[in-house]
Structure formats: C-alpha cells, structure tokens
C-alpha cells in the first residue's frame, strides 16, 4: 500500500507575524492574513459568538505580559 505524501506550506501573516500552515499553495502569499488579523481590521463584520470573543480576548491578555517580558530582556541585553 502506497503512503500518501501530504505537503504543508508555511506562511506568515503580514499583520500579526503569526506563522500558520496550509495544505494548499497560496497564489498570493503576501495577501494572506490570520483570522485574528482579519477581525482586527474588520471588527464590524465580527459575527463570532460572544463566548469565542471572550476566549480570544483572554488569550490576547495572557500573551501581552509574556511579550512585554521578552522586550524587557532584549532591552537589558542592549544596555
């Protein structure tokens, strides 16, 4: 039995710098954006349920302190 080879393509969101994978090649990779970036740009089209919006907001709040700590460490290294 022959194994199927599945190719994955990695792309980087131009707005949030998130890296994500797809199984299809994108015709215009520079125009790709993550779901989070789309809803940041088009907040008036945000039709997600309230529970999802709260969950995403909590995840963003958890990530911010970690990013701030990384910036502080980088600042300390340059001094």
N, C-alpha and C. Protein backbone atom coordinates (compact mmCIF):
# COMPACT_ATOMS: atom_id res chain seq x y z
N UNK A 1 0.83 -1.17 0.00
CA UNK A 1 0.00 0.00 0.00
C UNK A 1 0.89 1.25 0.00
N UNK A 2 0.60 2.16 -0.88
CA UNK A 2 1.41 3.36 -1.03
C UNK A 2 0.96 4.45 -0.06
N UNK A 3 1.94 5.04 0.63
CA UNK A 3 1.62 6.13 1.55
C UNK A 3 1.41 7.42 0.76
N UNK A 4 0.45 8.17 1.20
CA UNK A 4 0.22 9.48 0.59
C UNK A 4 1.19 10.49 1.20
N UNK A 5 1.74 11.30 0.37
CA UNK A 5 2.62 12.35 0.83
C UNK A 5 1.83 13.65 0.87
N UNK A 6 1.69 14.21 2.04
CA UNK A 6 0.95 15.46 2.20
C UNK A 6 1.95 16.60 2.38
N UNK A 7 1.91 17.55 1.51
CA UNK A 7 2.83 18.68 1.60
C UNK A 7 2.17 19.81 2.37
N UNK A 8 2.94 20.43 3.26
CA UNK A 8 2.46 21.56 4.04
C UNK A 8 3.24 22.80 3.63
N UNK A 9 2.52 23.89 3.55
CA UNK A 9 3.11 25.18 3.20
C UNK A 9 2.99 26.09 4.41
N UNK A 10 4.10 26.74 4.77
CA UNK A 10 4.09 27.66 5.90
C UNK A 10 4.04 29.09 5.38
N UNK A 11 3.15 29.86 5.96
CA UNK A 11 3.02 31.26 5.59
C UNK A 11 3.01 32.10 6.85
N UNK A 12 3.40 33.35 6.68
CA UNK A 12 3.46 34.28 7.81
C UNK A 12 2.46 35.40 7.56
N UNK A 13 1.65 35.67 8.56
CA UNK A 13 0.68 36.76 8.46
C UNK A 13 1.44 38.08 8.40
N UNK A 14 1.06 38.93 7.47
CA UNK A 14 1.76 40.19 7.30
C UNK A 14 1.44 41.20 8.38
N UNK A 15 0.38 40.99 9.13
CA UNK A 15 -0.03 41.95 10.16
C UNK A 15 0.41 41.50 11.55
N UNK A 16 0.06 40.26 11.92
CA UNK A 16 0.34 39.79 13.27
C UNK A 16 1.63 38.99 13.38
N UNK A 17 2.28 38.71 12.25
CA UNK A 17 3.52 37.93 12.22
C UNK A 17 3.31 36.49 12.69
N UNK A 18 2.06 36.02 12.74
CA UNK A 18 1.77 34.63 13.09
C UNK A 18 2.18 33.72 11.94
N UNK A 19 2.69 32.56 12.26
CA UNK A 19 3.04 31.57 11.26
C UNK A 19 1.96 30.50 11.28
N UNK A 20 1.45 30.16 10.10
CA UNK A 20 0.43 29.12 10.02
C UNK A 20 0.70 28.24 8.82
N UNK A 21 0.13 27.04 8.86
CA UNK A 21 0.34 26.06 7.81
C UNK A 21 -0.94 25.80 7.04
N UNK A 22 -0.78 25.54 5.75
CA UNK A 22 -1.89 25.11 4.92
C UNK A 22 -1.44 23.91 4.09
N UNK A 23 -2.39 23.22 3.53
CA UNK A 23 -2.05 22.09 2.67
C UNK A 23 -2.13 22.47 1.20
N UNK A 24 -2.47 23.70 0.93
CA UNK A 24 -2.53 24.19 -0.45
C UNK A 24 -1.56 25.36 -0.62
N UNK A 25 -1.01 25.44 -1.78
CA UNK A 25 -0.13 26.56 -2.10
C UNK A 25 -0.99 27.80 -2.35
N UNK A 26 -0.58 28.90 -1.78
CA UNK A 26 -1.34 30.14 -1.95
C UNK A 26 -0.89 30.87 -3.21
N UNK A 27 -1.84 31.34 -4.01
CA UNK A 27 -1.45 32.06 -5.22
C UNK A 27 -0.81 33.41 -4.90
N UNK A 28 -1.24 34.06 -3.82
CA UNK A 28 -0.69 35.36 -3.42
C UNK A 28 -0.34 35.33 -1.93
N UNK A 29 0.78 34.75 -1.56
CA UNK A 29 1.10 34.61 -0.13
C UNK A 29 1.25 35.94 0.60
N UNK A 30 1.59 37.00 -0.11
CA UNK A 30 1.76 38.30 0.56
C UNK A 30 0.42 38.88 1.00
N UNK A 31 -0.68 38.37 0.47
CA UNK A 31 -2.00 38.88 0.84
C UNK A 31 -2.68 38.07 1.94
N UNK A 32 -2.03 37.00 2.39
CA UNK A 32 -2.64 36.16 3.42
C UNK A 32 -2.60 36.86 4.77
N UNK A 33 -3.64 36.61 5.56
CA UNK A 33 -3.67 37.12 6.92
C UNK A 33 -4.37 36.11 7.81
N UNK A 34 -4.06 36.15 9.07
CA UNK A 34 -4.67 35.24 10.02
C UNK A 34 -6.10 35.67 10.32
N UNK A 35 -6.84 34.79 10.94
CA UNK A 35 -8.22 35.10 11.30
C UNK A 35 -8.24 36.25 12.29
N UNK A 36 -7.31 36.23 13.24
CA UNK A 36 -7.24 37.29 14.24
C UNK A 36 -7.00 38.65 13.57
N UNK A 37 -6.10 38.69 12.59
CA UNK A 37 -5.83 39.94 11.88
C UNK A 37 -7.04 40.41 11.09
N UNK A 38 -7.76 39.46 10.49
CA UNK A 38 -8.96 39.83 9.73
C UNK A 38 -9.98 40.53 10.63
N UNK A 39 -10.23 39.93 11.80
CA UNK A 39 -11.21 40.52 12.70
C UNK A 39 -10.71 41.81 13.34
N UNK A 40 -9.41 42.00 13.43
CA UNK A 40 -8.89 43.28 13.90
C UNK A 40 -9.15 44.37 12.87
N UNK A 41 -9.01 44.03 11.60
CA UNK A 41 -9.25 45.01 10.55
C UNK A 41 -10.73 45.25 10.28
N UNK A 42 -11.53 44.19 10.41
CA UNK A 42 -12.95 44.27 10.09
C UNK A 42 -13.79 43.95 11.33
N UNK A 43 -13.67 44.77 12.34
CA UNK A 43 -14.39 44.50 13.59
C UNK A 43 -15.90 44.61 13.41
N UNK A 44 -16.35 45.36 12.42
CA UNK A 44 -17.79 45.48 12.19
C UNK A 44 -18.38 44.21 11.57
N UNK A 45 -17.54 43.33 11.01
CA UNK A 45 -18.02 42.07 10.44
C UNK A 45 -17.83 40.89 11.40
N UNK A 46 -17.49 41.17 12.63
CA UNK A 46 -17.21 40.11 13.61
C UNK A 46 -18.53 39.48 14.05
N UNK A 47 -18.84 38.31 13.47
CA UNK A 47 -20.10 37.63 13.76
C UNK A 47 -19.89 36.39 14.62
N UNK A 48 -18.73 36.33 15.29
CA UNK A 48 -18.45 35.18 16.15
C UNK A 48 -19.31 35.24 17.40
N UNK A 49 -19.60 34.10 18.01
CA UNK A 49 -20.36 34.09 19.26
C UNK A 49 -19.59 34.80 20.38
N UNK A 50 -20.32 35.31 21.35
CA UNK A 50 -19.71 36.06 22.45
C UNK A 50 -18.69 35.20 23.22
N UNK A 51 -18.96 33.92 23.37
CA UNK A 51 -18.04 33.05 24.10
C UNK A 51 -16.68 32.98 23.39
N UNK A 52 -16.69 32.94 22.08
CA UNK A 52 -15.44 32.90 21.31
C UNK A 52 -14.71 34.23 21.44
N UNK A 53 -15.44 35.33 21.38
CA UNK A 53 -14.81 36.65 21.52
C UNK A 53 -14.13 36.80 22.87
N UNK A 54 -14.79 36.33 23.94
CA UNK A 54 -14.21 36.40 25.28
C UNK A 54 -12.97 35.54 25.38
N UNK A 55 -13.03 34.35 24.80
CA UNK A 55 -11.90 33.43 24.84
C UNK A 55 -10.68 34.03 24.13
N UNK A 56 -10.89 34.62 22.98
CA UNK A 56 -9.81 35.24 22.22
C UNK A 56 -9.24 36.42 22.99
N UNK A 57 -10.09 37.21 23.61
CA UNK A 57 -9.64 38.36 24.38
C UNK A 57 -8.78 37.90 25.57
N UNK A 58 -9.18 36.83 26.24
CA UNK A 58 -8.40 36.31 27.36
C UNK A 58 -7.04 35.81 26.88
N UNK A 59 -7.00 35.15 25.75
CA UNK A 59 -5.73 34.66 25.21
C UNK A 59 -4.80 35.82 24.87
N UNK A 60 -5.35 36.89 24.31
CA UNK A 60 -4.53 38.06 23.98
C UNK A 60 -3.98 38.71 25.24
N UNK A 61 -4.79 38.76 26.30
CA UNK A 61 -4.33 39.36 27.54
C UNK A 61 -3.23 38.54 28.19
N UNK A 62 -3.27 37.21 28.03
CA UNK A 62 -2.24 36.35 28.58
C UNK A 62 -0.94 36.48 27.80
N UNK A 63 -1.03 36.73 26.51
CA UNK A 63 0.15 36.82 25.67
C UNK A 63 0.87 38.15 25.87
N UNK A 64 0.16 39.22 26.13
CA UNK A 64 0.77 40.54 26.26
C UNK A 64 1.84 40.59 27.34
N UNK A 65 1.61 40.09 28.56
CA UNK A 65 2.68 40.15 29.56
C UNK A 65 3.92 39.37 29.15
N UNK A 66 3.76 38.28 28.47
CA UNK A 66 4.91 37.49 28.02
C UNK A 66 5.72 38.28 27.00
N UNK A 67 5.03 38.95 26.08
CA UNK A 67 5.73 39.75 25.07
C UNK A 67 6.44 40.92 25.73
N UNK A 68 5.82 41.53 26.74
CA UNK A 68 6.46 42.64 27.44
C UNK A 68 7.71 42.17 28.16
N UNK A 69 7.68 40.99 28.74
CA UNK A 69 8.84 40.45 29.42
C UNK A 69 9.97 40.20 28.43
N UNK A 70 9.64 39.69 27.25
CA UNK A 70 10.65 39.45 26.22
C UNK A 70 11.31 40.76 25.80
N UNK A 71 10.51 41.81 25.65
CA UNK A 71 11.04 43.11 25.27
C UNK A 71 11.97 43.65 26.35
N UNK A 72 11.62 43.46 27.62
CA UNK A 72 12.46 43.93 28.72
C UNK A 72 13.79 43.20 28.72
N UNK A 73 13.76 41.90 28.47
CA UNK A 73 15.00 41.11 28.42
C UNK A 73 15.87 41.58 27.27
N UNK A 74 15.26 41.85 26.12
CA UNK A 74 16.02 42.34 24.97
C UNK A 74 16.61 43.71 25.24
N UNK A 75 15.86 44.58 25.93
CA UNK A 75 16.35 45.90 26.28
C UNK A 75 17.54 45.80 27.23
N UNK A 76 17.48 44.87 28.18
CA UNK A 76 18.58 44.68 29.12
C UNK A 76 19.84 44.21 28.41
N UNK A 77 19.68 43.42 27.38
CA UNK A 77 20.83 42.90 26.65
C UNK A 77 21.54 44.01 25.86
N UNK A 78 20.77 44.97 25.37
CA UNK A 78 21.37 46.05 24.57
C UNK A 78 22.07 47.09 25.44
N UNK A 79 21.74 47.15 26.70
CA UNK A 79 22.33 48.16 27.60
C UNK A 79 23.66 47.72 28.11
